[in-house]
Amino acid sequence: SNDKFLNFGFGGEMTSSGFLNTATGVEGSLETGYVMMRYGSITGLSTSLNVLKGKGEIAIIIYKNGQPVEFGNTFAVDSAGTKTDYDVQSKDIVTFEPGDIISIYVDARGSVSWKDVVTLLEITTEN
């Protein structure tokens, strides 16, 4: 298989929901992200972030063509400090095709502030 990694992140403090930046430093959006070149699947997602304060939940949500997919990372927040999560799944569950746009959104629920998000998205392409 051909595993590849897409890097997303945000350097600095966040206190509200928003899209992560791509490795180019450009902020993603519903229309802006990595454009897929081949057929493939999303097979893994890992995230590290530093919670500054607050209580609630932080969800890392993958968007494909402006729509959320059913795969992501979730953090229950009840204390400050570095939090990590990772999830993997089989091929052919969340698929994409050439031209599809992948971006990642951080959804904060509750009253939480955090900083320095590092997210790695694993994709497996068919060729």
Protein backbone atom coordinates (compact mmCIF):
# COMPACT_ATOMS: atom_id res chain seq x y z
CA SER A 1 0.00 0.00 0.00
CA ASN A 2 1.02 3.60 -0.48
CA ASP A 3 0.70 5.43 2.83
CA LYS A 4 1.16 9.19 2.81
CA PHE A 5 0.76 11.83 5.47
CA LEU A 6 -0.91 15.24 5.35
CA ASN A 7 0.26 17.70 7.99
CA PHE A 8 -2.12 20.12 9.68
CA GLY A 9 -1.64 22.32 12.71
CA PHE A 10 -1.89 25.63 14.46
CA GLY A 11 0.93 27.39 16.29
CA GLY A 12 -0.45 29.68 18.95
CA GLU A 13 -3.49 29.95 21.14
CA MET A 14 -7.03 29.08 20.07
CA THR A 15 -10.13 29.79 22.12
CA SER A 16 -12.81 29.02 19.56
CA SER A 17 -13.55 26.52 16.84
CA GLY A 18 -11.76 26.88 13.52
CA PHE A 19 -9.87 25.23 10.70
CA LEU A 20 -6.28 24.10 11.12
CA ASN A 21 -3.51 25.35 8.85
CA THR A 22 -1.96 23.17 6.19
CA ALA A 23 1.81 22.55 6.18
CA THR A 24 2.10 25.57 3.87
CA GLY A 25 0.83 27.83 6.65
CA VAL A 26 -2.42 28.51 4.82
CA GLU A 27 -5.57 28.14 6.89
CA GLY A 28 -7.98 25.52 5.61
CA SER A 29 -11.66 26.12 5.02
CA LEU A 30 -14.66 24.37 3.54
CA GLU A 31 -13.14 25.11 0.12
CA THR A 32 -9.41 25.28 0.92
CA GLY A 33 -7.22 22.30 1.75
CA TYR A 34 -5.22 19.51 0.21
CA VAL A 35 -6.48 18.47 -3.23
CA MET A 36 -6.28 14.72 -3.71
CA MET A 37 -4.49 13.43 -6.82
CA ARG A 38 -5.38 9.75 -6.63
CA TYR A 39 -8.12 7.44 -5.45
CA GLY A 40 -7.64 6.38 -1.84
CA SER A 41 -8.83 6.19 1.75
CA ILE A 42 -8.32 8.05 5.01
CA THR A 43 -6.73 5.43 7.28
CA GLY A 44 -5.39 7.30 10.31
CA LEU A 45 -5.49 10.50 12.32
CA SER A 46 -3.37 11.62 15.26
CA THR A 47 -3.41 14.86 17.23
CA SER A 48 -1.38 16.50 19.96
CA LEU A 49 -2.47 19.75 21.58
CA ASN A 50 -1.79 21.70 24.76
CA VAL A 51 -4.84 22.61 26.83
CA LEU A 52 -4.35 25.89 28.70
CA LYS A 53 -7.56 25.94 30.71
CA GLY A 54 -11.23 25.14 30.76
CA LYS A 55 -13.56 22.20 30.69
CA GLY A 56 -15.35 20.64 27.78
CA GLU A 57 -14.52 18.66 24.69
CA ILE A 58 -12.37 19.26 21.63
CA ALA A 59 -13.14 17.34 18.45
CA ILE A 60 -10.81 17.12 15.45
CA ILE A 61 -13.07 16.79 12.42
CA ILE A 62 -11.96 15.86 8.91
CA TYR A 63 -13.82 17.58 6.08
CA LYS A 64 -14.04 16.22 2.53
CA ASN A 65 -15.39 18.70 0.00
CA GLY A 66 -16.85 20.82 2.82
CA GLN A 67 -18.65 17.94 4.53
CA PRO A 68 -17.56 16.23 7.77
CA VAL A 69 -16.59 12.56 7.54
CA GLU A 70 -17.34 9.93 10.18
CA PHE A 71 -13.81 9.66 11.54
CA GLY A 72 -11.82 11.89 13.87
CA ASN A 73 -10.13 12.48 17.21
CA THR A 74 -11.93 13.60 20.37
CA PHE A 75 -10.54 14.97 23.62
CA ALA A 76 -12.47 15.21 26.87
CA VAL A 77 -10.92 18.23 28.61
CA ASP A 78 -10.94 18.52 32.39
CA SER A 79 -7.38 19.66 33.09
CA ALA A 80 -4.54 21.63 31.56
CA GLY A 81 -1.62 19.98 29.82
CA THR A 82 -0.68 18.10 26.67
CA LYS A 83 -3.36 15.81 25.28
CA THR A 84 -2.92 13.22 22.54
CA ASP A 85 -5.23 10.96 20.60
CA TYR A 86 -4.89 8.70 17.59
CA ASP A 87 -7.27 6.53 15.64
CA VAL A 88 -6.79 4.18 12.69
CA GLN A 89 -9.26 2.47 10.42
CA SER A 90 -9.26 0.11 7.46
CA LYS A 91 -9.14 1.17 3.85
CA ASP A 92 -12.37 1.73 1.89
CA ILE A 93 -14.36 3.15 4.84
CA VAL A 94 -13.72 6.87 4.21
CA THR A 95 -12.69 7.14 0.59
CA PHE A 96 -11.74 10.00 -1.72
CA GLU A 97 -11.11 10.51 -5.40
CA PRO A 98 -8.96 12.84 -7.48
CA GLY A 99 -10.04 16.45 -7.02
CA ASP A 100 -11.53 15.96 -3.55
CA ILE A 101 -10.44 18.58 -1.00
CA ILE A 102 -9.42 17.55 2.52
CA SER A 103 -9.34 20.02 5.43
CA ILE A 104 -9.49 19.67 9.21
CA TYR A 105 -11.63 21.59 11.69
CA VAL A 106 -11.26 21.91 15.46
CA ASP A 107 -14.66 21.93 17.16
CA ALA A 108 -14.55 23.25 20.73
CA ARG A 109 -17.48 22.39 22.97
CA GLY A 110 -17.64 24.08 26.33
CA SER A 111 -15.22 26.74 27.52
CA VAL A 112 -11.71 25.66 26.57
CA SER A 113 -8.52 27.35 25.42
CA TRP A 114 -5.61 25.46 23.87
CA LYS A 115 -2.49 25.99 21.79
CA ASP A 116 0.00 24.31 19.46
CA VAL A 117 -2.09 21.75 17.62
CA VAL A 118 -0.22 19.12 15.58
CA THR A 119 -2.41 16.82 13.48
CA LEU A 120 -1.20 14.09 11.13
CA LEU A 121 -3.65 12.60 8.63
CA GLU A 122 -2.72 9.27 7.08
CA ILE A 123 -4.04 8.46 3.63
CA THR A 124 -3.60 5.24 1.68
CA THR A 125 -3.73 5.62 -2.09
CA GLU A 126 -4.48 2.93 -4.62
CA ASN A 127 -1.42 3.52 -6.78
